[in-house]
Each structure stands twice: as structure tokens, then as C-alpha cells.
Amino acid sequence: MNLDDAPAPRCTICPRQLLDHEAGRFICTPCEQRIDQDLRKLAGPAGLYARLCLRIQPGRRGGDGPAVSGSPGARLPVNETILSLTANGGIVSTLETWVEDWASYGLGVHGTGGRLQHRVDTAVVTLRRNLGRAAYRHPALDEFGSEVGKIARQAEAIITGEKKPRVIPVMCPCGTVTGVTLNTDGFTCRDCRTEYGHGEALRLTPVRSAA
């Protein structure tokens, strides 16, 4: 095959065609910036993780609902969804798993433990510091970006009380139906392997209209 006829490299996330100055990268610059923004949202005393921790028990300042009546010593009910996100094994473990994975590519080192908030902040700092190099080295940045984005959106929805985005079934020209939302970055059809970016995915024919 003539090199001039080779398909132009594309971002593994959107998938936008990579520009000349993005040669050698797995993801485009806008997708890198979007991942960095999602990471920044999670960390710090005013970040999403810290704000979720304030909502574990309804009735606490910043909680999900009204204070629970009862004796002063009565334990408040725990929001299990938030607890699963903020406890060891939730957000912190997801981030640290990626830090450990990136370390095998020479992209930072694993943290040394500590309180959960400290571990989240340390993982975010490590991932953000190495994100630019990971854009050239790590082939699973699409999976990483998807996980971080999902965590950030889920945390924001809980904090603001927003409902989950409505899933819209759309049909690929090959006949395969896939569910997308307004937040969908893009997807690859599981049958014909056609790649769709955000705008292309939303322009596909809704299943009801197709019927």
C-alpha cells in the first residue's frame, strides 16, 4: 500500500482525525483537556469526592435530605450509593488502579497510602502530571477517559440532584442498535466496527423513527 493511501490516524476517543502536531498520539488534544478537567473536578477540599463525603449521611450539612428525627445518639441512615463511591474500593481504588497501570508504562509511581481524601488527591496529581505523556504511550486512554468521565458525571448528578441522562436507542446503517445519551463521547459499532464521534452518534436514526 502506498503510504499516501494509508488511513489518517484518529483519536481513539472521539474519534477525530489527528492533526499534524498530534502525530504519534493516541488521543487528540481536546480529549486530553476534557480528561484533565474531569480529574481536576474530583480532587481537593472543594472537589467532587470531598463533597460526596458530606452527603453520605442524609441530614448532615450538605446532605441529601432533611435531618432524621430521633434521639441525639441515634445513627443516621447511610446513602449506600455514595458510600460505595467514597469508601475504599470506590473512586479511590479506580484511580489508584490506573496509577498502578500507568506506572508499568513509566508514567509515575504508585502512592504510599494515607487517608482516602489524600489518596484521591495524590492519584489525581499523578495522573494529571503524566497525562500528556500518556497521550503518546498508553493505548487504553479511551477506557481511562470513559471511566473518569463516568465517575465525574455520576458524582455531579448526585450532588446537584440531576437525573441520569435518558438513553436513546439509535441504529447503525448495518442494523445494530446502540444506546446513546447526550453525554456520549462516541462509540464503535460492535458488529460492523464503524466509528462514530459525539455528533455522528447523535445524528444516527432513533430506533422508533426507523420503525
C-alpha atoms as a PDB file:
ATOM      1  CA  MET A   1       0.000   0.000   0.000  1.00  0.00           C
ATOM      2  CA  ASN A   2       1.208   3.465  -0.828  1.00  0.00           C
ATOM      3  CA  LEU A   3       1.869   5.451   2.349  1.00  0.00           C
ATOM      4  CA  ASP A   4      -0.223   8.264   0.928  1.00  0.00           C
ATOM      5  CA  ASP A   5      -3.186   5.887   0.793  1.00  0.00           C
ATOM      6  CA  ALA A   6      -2.881   4.799   4.444  1.00  0.00           C
ATOM      7  CA  PRO A   7      -5.816   5.904   6.622  1.00  0.00           C
ATOM      8  CA  ALA A   8      -5.120   9.023   8.649  1.00  0.00           C
ATOM      9  CA  PRO A   9      -4.610   8.313  12.381  1.00  0.00           C
ATOM     10  CA  ARG A  10      -7.607   9.151  14.543  1.00  0.00           C
ATOM     11  CA  CYS A  11      -8.192   9.856  18.192  1.00  0.00           C
ATOM     12  CA  THR A  12      -9.189   6.651  19.983  1.00  0.00           C
ATOM     13  CA  ILE A  13     -11.880   8.531  21.925  1.00  0.00           C
ATOM     14  CA  CYS A  14     -13.835  10.960  19.737  1.00  0.00           C
ATOM     15  CA  PRO A  15     -12.547   9.692  17.037  1.00  0.00           C
ATOM     16  CA  ARG A  16     -11.378  12.918  15.351  1.00  0.00           C
ATOM     17  CA  GLN A  17      -8.608  12.810  12.761  1.00  0.00           C
ATOM     18  CA  LEU A  18      -5.348  13.733  14.455  1.00  0.00           C
ATOM     19  CA  LEU A  19      -3.674  16.900  13.233  1.00  0.00           C
ATOM     20  CA  ASP A  20      -0.061  17.125  12.129  1.00  0.00           C
ATOM     21  CA  HIS A  21       1.129  18.425  15.502  1.00  0.00           C
ATOM     22  CA  GLU A  22      -0.665  15.490  17.200  1.00  0.00           C
ATOM     23  CA  ALA A  23       1.233  12.818  15.282  1.00  0.00           C
ATOM     24  CA  GLY A  24       2.090   9.802  17.409  1.00  0.00           C
ATOM     25  CA  ARG A  25      -0.658  10.388  19.940  1.00  0.00           C
ATOM     26  CA  PHE A  26      -3.470   8.004  20.861  1.00  0.00           C
ATOM     27  CA  ILE A  27      -5.889  10.838  21.674  1.00  0.00           C
ATOM     28  CA  CYS A  28      -6.418  14.358  20.387  1.00  0.00           C
ATOM     29  CA  THR A  29      -5.650  17.476  22.398  1.00  0.00           C
ATOM     30  CA  PRO A  30      -9.332  18.368  23.132  1.00  0.00           C
ATOM     31  CA  CYS A  31      -9.941  14.876  24.577  1.00  0.00           C
ATOM     32  CA  GLU A  32      -6.819  15.185  26.712  1.00  0.00           C
ATOM     33  CA  GLN A  33      -8.087  18.521  28.021  1.00  0.00           C
ATOM     34  CA  ARG A  34     -11.504  17.023  28.774  1.00  0.00           C
ATOM     35  CA  ILE A  35      -9.945  14.162  30.767  1.00  0.00           C
ATOM     36  CA  ASP A  36      -7.753  16.625  32.660  1.00  0.00           C
ATOM     37  CA  GLN A  37     -10.819  18.709  33.511  1.00  0.00           C
ATOM     38  CA  ASP A  38     -12.684  15.651  34.848  1.00  0.00           C
ATOM     39  CA  LEU A  39      -9.677  14.723  37.005  1.00  0.00           C
ATOM     40  CA  ARG A  40      -9.417  18.253  38.404  1.00  0.00           C
ATOM     41  CA  LYS A  41     -13.088  18.151  39.391  1.00  0.00           C
ATOM     42  CA  LEU A  42     -12.509  15.141  41.659  1.00  0.00           C
ATOM     43  CA  ALA A  43      -9.682  16.362  43.891  1.00  0.00           C
ATOM     44  CA  GLY A  44      -9.242  18.919  46.662  1.00  0.00           C
ATOM     45  CA  PRO A  45     -11.290  20.067  49.667  1.00  0.00           C
ATOM     46  CA  ALA A  46     -13.978  21.512  47.371  1.00  0.00           C
ATOM     47  CA  GLY A  47     -13.788  18.729  44.787  1.00  0.00           C
ATOM     48  CA  LEU A  48     -16.442  16.200  43.924  1.00  0.00           C
ATOM     49  CA  TYR A  49     -15.005  13.481  46.169  1.00  0.00           C
ATOM     50  CA  ALA A  50     -14.967  15.725  49.247  1.00  0.00           C
ATOM     51  CA  ARG A  51     -18.480  16.975  48.502  1.00  0.00           C
ATOM     52  CA  LEU A  52     -19.744  13.409  48.122  1.00  0.00           C
ATOM     53  CA  CYS A  53     -18.329  12.549  51.550  1.00  0.00           C
ATOM     54  CA  LEU A  54     -20.526  15.283  53.079  1.00  0.00           C
ATOM     55  CA  ARG A  55     -23.581  13.534  51.669  1.00  0.00           C
ATOM     56  CA  ILE A  56     -23.016  10.020  52.990  1.00  0.00           C
ATOM     57  CA  GLN A  57     -25.454  10.605  55.846  1.00  0.00           C
ATOM     58  CA  PRO A  58     -28.709  12.430  54.959  1.00  0.00           C
ATOM     59  CA  GLY A  59     -29.319  15.272  57.351  1.00  0.00           C
ATOM     60  CA  ARG A  60     -25.700  16.322  57.645  1.00  0.00           C
ATOM     61  CA  ARG A  61     -24.707  19.706  56.320  1.00  0.00           C
ATOM     62  CA  GLY A  62     -24.764  19.410  52.559  1.00  0.00           C
ATOM     63  CA  GLY A  63     -26.639  16.111  52.773  1.00  0.00           C
ATOM     64  CA  ASP A  64     -29.280  14.652  50.507  1.00  0.00           C
ATOM     65  CA  GLY A  65     -32.342  15.378  52.569  1.00  0.00           C
ATOM     66  CA  PRO A  66     -33.824  16.598  55.830  1.00  0.00           C
ATOM     67  CA  ALA A  67     -32.358  15.735  59.199  1.00  0.00           C
ATOM     68  CA  VAL A  68     -33.586  12.486  60.669  1.00  0.00           C
ATOM     69  CA  SER A  69     -35.596  12.784  63.860  1.00  0.00           C
ATOM     70  CA  GLY A  70     -34.815  10.652  66.869  1.00  0.00           C
ATOM     71  CA  SER A  71     -32.574  10.572  69.892  1.00  0.00           C
ATOM     72  CA  PRO A  72     -29.306  12.524  69.716  1.00  0.00           C
ATOM     73  CA  GLY A  73     -27.356   9.287  69.774  1.00  0.00           C
ATOM     74  CA  ALA A  74     -29.329   7.573  67.003  1.00  0.00           C
ATOM     75  CA  ARG A  75     -27.312   6.702  63.917  1.00  0.00           C
ATOM     76  CA  LEU A  76     -28.376   8.365  60.701  1.00  0.00           C
ATOM     77  CA  PRO A  77     -29.191   6.220  57.666  1.00  0.00           C
ATOM     78  CA  VAL A  78     -26.322   5.951  55.203  1.00  0.00           C
ATOM     79  CA  ASN A  79     -26.637   6.645  51.495  1.00  0.00           C
ATOM     80  CA  GLU A  80     -25.258   3.348  50.197  1.00  0.00           C
ATOM     81  CA  THR A  81     -24.627   4.619  46.671  1.00  0.00           C
ATOM     82  CA  ILE A  82     -22.455   7.466  47.931  1.00  0.00           C
ATOM     83  CA  LEU A  83     -20.775   5.190  50.453  1.00  0.00           C
ATOM     84  CA  SER A  84     -19.780   2.752  47.711  1.00  0.00           C
ATOM     85  CA  LEU A  85     -18.236   5.627  45.724  1.00  0.00           C
ATOM     86  CA  THR A  86     -16.351   7.226  48.619  1.00  0.00           C
ATOM     87  CA  ALA A  87     -15.232   4.099  50.508  1.00  0.00           C
ATOM     88  CA  ASN A  88     -12.089   2.117  49.820  1.00  0.00           C
ATOM     89  CA  GLY A  89     -12.858   0.195  46.618  1.00  0.00           C
ATOM     90  CA  GLY A  90     -14.793   3.077  45.043  1.00  0.00           C
ATOM     91  CA  ILE A  91     -13.394   6.191  43.374  1.00  0.00           C
ATOM     92  CA  VAL A  92     -10.056   5.979  45.167  1.00  0.00           C
ATOM     93  CA  SER A  93      -9.423   2.390  44.090  1.00  0.00           C
ATOM     94  CA  THR A  94     -10.397   3.119  40.489  1.00  0.00           C
ATOM     95  CA  LEU A  95      -7.922   5.994  40.315  1.00  0.00           C
ATOM     96  CA  GLU A  96      -5.150   4.058  42.076  1.00  0.00           C
ATOM     97  CA  THR A  97      -5.637   1.072  39.776  1.00  0.00           C
ATOM     98  CA  TRP A  98      -4.981   3.358  36.821  1.00  0.00           C
ATOM     99  CA  VAL A  99      -1.963   4.905  38.567  1.00  0.00           C
ATOM    100  CA  GLU A 100      -0.536   1.424  39.072  1.00  0.00           C
ATOM    101  CA  ASP A 101      -1.273   0.539  35.440  1.00  0.00           C
ATOM    102  CA  TRP A 102       0.350   3.739  34.167  1.00  0.00           C
ATOM    103  CA  ALA A 103       3.428   3.071  36.305  1.00  0.00           C
ATOM    104  CA  SER A 104       4.091  -0.024  34.183  1.00  0.00           C
ATOM    105  CA  TYR A 105       4.433   2.363  31.223  1.00  0.00           C
ATOM    106  CA  GLY A 106       6.875   4.595  33.107  1.00  0.00           C
ATOM    107  CA  LEU A 107       4.151   7.134  33.846  1.00  0.00           C
ATOM    108  CA  GLY A 108       4.523   7.960  37.528  1.00  0.00           C
ATOM    109  CA  VAL A 109       4.648   5.801  40.630  1.00  0.00           C
ATOM    110  CA  HIS A 110       2.001   4.379  42.947  1.00  0.00           C
ATOM    111  CA  GLY A 111       1.090   6.372  46.068  1.00  0.00           C
ATOM    112  CA  THR A 112       2.062   5.419  49.614  1.00  0.00           C
ATOM    113  CA  GLY A 113      -1.374   5.262  51.252  1.00  0.00           C
ATOM    114  CA  GLY A 114      -2.915   7.587  53.821  1.00  0.00           C
ATOM    115  CA  ARG A 115      -6.464   8.829  54.341  1.00  0.00           C
ATOM    116  CA  LEU A 116      -8.890   8.349  51.473  1.00  0.00           C
ATOM    117  CA  GLN A 117      -9.046  12.053  50.533  1.00  0.00           C
ATOM    118  CA  HIS A 118      -5.244  12.192  50.456  1.00  0.00           C
ATOM    119  CA  ARG A 119      -5.124   9.076  48.281  1.00  0.00           C
ATOM    120  CA  VAL A 120      -7.635  10.569  45.821  1.00  0.00           C
ATOM    121  CA  ASP A 121      -5.689  13.838  45.649  1.00  0.00           C
ATOM    122  CA  THR A 122      -2.362  12.029  45.192  1.00  0.00           C
ATOM    123  CA  ALA A 123      -3.732   9.812  42.430  1.00  0.00           C
ATOM    124  CA  VAL A 124      -5.246  12.782  40.596  1.00  0.00           C
ATOM    125  CA  VAL A 125      -1.984  14.742  40.799  1.00  0.00           C
ATOM    126  CA  THR A 126      -0.031  11.756  39.442  1.00  0.00           C
ATOM    127  CA  LEU A 127      -2.467  11.118  36.593  1.00  0.00           C
ATOM    128  CA  ARG A 128      -2.697  14.769  35.582  1.00  0.00           C
ATOM    129  CA  ARG A 129       1.088  15.194  35.681  1.00  0.00           C
ATOM    130  CA  ASN A 130       1.574  12.238  33.339  1.00  0.00           C
ATOM    131  CA  LEU A 131      -1.484  12.654  31.118  1.00  0.00           C
ATOM    132  CA  GLY A 132       0.429  14.490  28.392  1.00  0.00           C
ATOM    133  CA  ARG A 133       2.969  11.668  28.084  1.00  0.00           C
ATOM    134  CA  ALA A 134       0.246   9.019  28.372  1.00  0.00           C
ATOM    135  CA  ALA A 135      -1.353  10.522  25.261  1.00  0.00           C
ATOM    136  CA  TYR A 136       1.639   9.127  23.357  1.00  0.00           C
ATOM    137  CA  ARG A 137       2.298   5.954  25.353  1.00  0.00           C
ATOM    138  CA  HIS A 138      -0.859   4.389  26.750  1.00  0.00           C
ATOM    139  CA  PRO A 139      -3.147   2.533  24.303  1.00  0.00           C
ATOM    140  CA  ALA A 140      -6.122   2.333  26.718  1.00  0.00           C
ATOM    141  CA  LEU A 141      -6.698   6.044  27.223  1.00  0.00           C
ATOM    142  CA  ASP A 142     -10.160   5.693  25.725  1.00  0.00           C
ATOM    143  CA  GLU A 143     -11.116   3.318  28.552  1.00  0.00           C
ATOM    144  CA  PHE A 144      -9.440   5.552  31.138  1.00  0.00           C
ATOM    145  CA  GLY A 145     -11.186   8.686  29.871  1.00  0.00           C
ATOM    146  CA  SER A 146     -14.529   6.903  29.851  1.00  0.00           C
ATOM    147  CA  GLU A 147     -14.140   5.742  33.470  1.00  0.00           C
ATOM    148  CA  VAL A 148     -13.011   9.127  34.778  1.00  0.00           C
ATOM    149  CA  GLY A 149     -15.787  10.907  32.889  1.00  0.00           C
ATOM    150  CA  LYS A 150     -18.390   8.489  34.211  1.00  0.00           C
ATOM    151  CA  ILE A 151     -17.211   8.998  37.793  1.00  0.00           C
ATOM    152  CA  ALA A 152     -17.287  12.792  37.451  1.00  0.00           C
ATOM    153  CA  ARG A 153     -20.760  12.822  35.880  1.00  0.00           C
ATOM    154  CA  GLN A 154     -22.160  10.406  38.471  1.00  0.00           C
ATOM    155  CA  ALA A 155     -20.769  12.494  41.333  1.00  0.00           C
ATOM    156  CA  GLU A 156     -22.089  15.731  39.826  1.00  0.00           C
ATOM    157  CA  ALA A 157     -25.535  14.183  39.323  1.00  0.00           C
ATOM    158  CA  ILE A 158     -25.698  13.053  42.954  1.00  0.00           C
ATOM    159  CA  ILE A 159     -24.569  16.433  44.283  1.00  0.00           C
ATOM    160  CA  THR A 160     -26.904  18.505  42.099  1.00  0.00           C
ATOM    161  CA  GLY A 161     -29.793  16.035  42.238  1.00  0.00           C
ATOM    162  CA  GLU A 162     -29.873  15.629  38.466  1.00  0.00           C
ATOM    163  CA  LYS A 163     -31.458  12.532  36.989  1.00  0.00           C
ATOM    164  CA  LYS A 164     -29.483  10.150  34.826  1.00  0.00           C
ATOM    165  CA  PRO A 165     -29.444  11.190  31.151  1.00  0.00           C
ATOM    166  CA  ARG A 166     -32.071   9.459  29.033  1.00  0.00           C
ATOM    167  CA  VAL A 167     -30.709   6.652  26.878  1.00  0.00           C
ATOM    168  CA  ILE A 168     -31.762   6.911  23.225  1.00  0.00           C
ATOM    169  CA  PRO A 169     -31.596   3.733  21.106  1.00  0.00           C
ATOM    170  CA  VAL A 170     -30.091   4.547  17.688  1.00  0.00           C
ATOM    171  CA  MET A 171     -29.490   2.321  14.703  1.00  0.00           C
ATOM    172  CA  CYS A 172     -26.257   1.961  12.770  1.00  0.00           C
ATOM    173  CA  PRO A 173     -26.791   1.550   8.986  1.00  0.00           C
ATOM    174  CA  CYS A 174     -25.736  -2.079   9.438  1.00  0.00           C
ATOM    175  CA  GLY A 175     -28.837  -2.609  11.610  1.00  0.00           C
ATOM    176  CA  THR A 176     -27.159  -2.766  15.029  1.00  0.00           C
ATOM    177  CA  VAL A 177     -28.941  -0.831  17.787  1.00  0.00           C
ATOM    178  CA  THR A 178     -26.863   1.036  20.377  1.00  0.00           C
ATOM    179  CA  GLY A 179     -27.974   3.209  23.297  1.00  0.00           C
ATOM    180  CA  VAL A 180     -26.525   6.726  23.435  1.00  0.00           C
ATOM    181  CA  THR A 181     -27.083   9.795  25.613  1.00  0.00           C
ATOM    182  CA  LEU A 182     -26.408  13.495  25.125  1.00  0.00           C
ATOM    183  CA  ASN A 183     -23.146  12.912  27.010  1.00  0.00           C
ATOM    184  CA  THR A 184     -21.926  10.107  24.745  1.00  0.00           C
ATOM    185  CA  ASP A 185     -18.381  10.877  23.545  1.00  0.00           C
ATOM    186  CA  GLY A 186     -18.685   8.374  20.703  1.00  0.00           C
ATOM    187  CA  PHE A 187     -18.698   4.655  20.153  1.00  0.00           C
ATOM    188  CA  THR A 188     -17.668   1.881  17.791  1.00  0.00           C
ATOM    189  CA  CYS A 189     -20.411  -0.338  16.364  1.00  0.00           C
ATOM    190  CA  ARG A 190     -19.915  -3.806  17.810  1.00  0.00           C
ATOM    191  CA  ASP A 191     -20.884  -5.516  14.529  1.00  0.00           C
ATOM    192  CA  CYS A 192     -19.530  -3.512  11.584  1.00  0.00           C
ATOM    193  CA  ARG A 193     -16.851  -1.668  13.645  1.00  0.00           C
ATOM    194  CA  THR A 194     -17.817   1.725  12.214  1.00  0.00           C
ATOM    195  CA  GLU A 195     -16.585   4.517  14.497  1.00  0.00           C
ATOM    196  CA  TYR A 196     -18.887   7.389  15.479  1.00  0.00           C
ATOM    197  CA  GLY A 197     -17.906  10.620  17.184  1.00  0.00           C
ATOM    198  CA  HIS A 198     -20.216  12.554  19.516  1.00  0.00           C
ATOM    199  CA  GLY A 199     -22.049  14.462  16.782  1.00  0.00           C
ATOM    200  CA  GLU A 200     -22.211  11.490  14.436  1.00  0.00           C
ATOM    201  CA  ALA A 201     -23.682   9.278  17.174  1.00  0.00           C
ATOM    202  CA  LEU A 202     -26.450  11.778  17.906  1.00  0.00           C
ATOM    203  CA  ARG A 203     -27.306  12.060  14.195  1.00  0.00           C
ATOM    204  CA  LEU A 204     -27.978   8.331  13.812  1.00  0.00           C
ATOM    205  CA  THR A 205     -31.596   7.310  13.261  1.00  0.00           C
ATOM    206  CA  PRO A 206     -33.521   6.727  16.506  1.00  0.00           C
ATOM    207  CA  VAL A 207     -34.998   3.230  16.583  1.00  0.00           C
ATOM    208  CA  ARG A 208     -38.590   4.463  16.879  1.00  0.00           C
ATOM    209  CA  SER A 209     -38.212   6.645  13.804  1.00  0.00           C
ATOM    210  CA  ALA A 210     -36.608   3.785  11.922  1.00  0.00           C
ATOM    211  CA  ALA A 211     -39.555   1.556  12.768  1.00  0.00           C
END
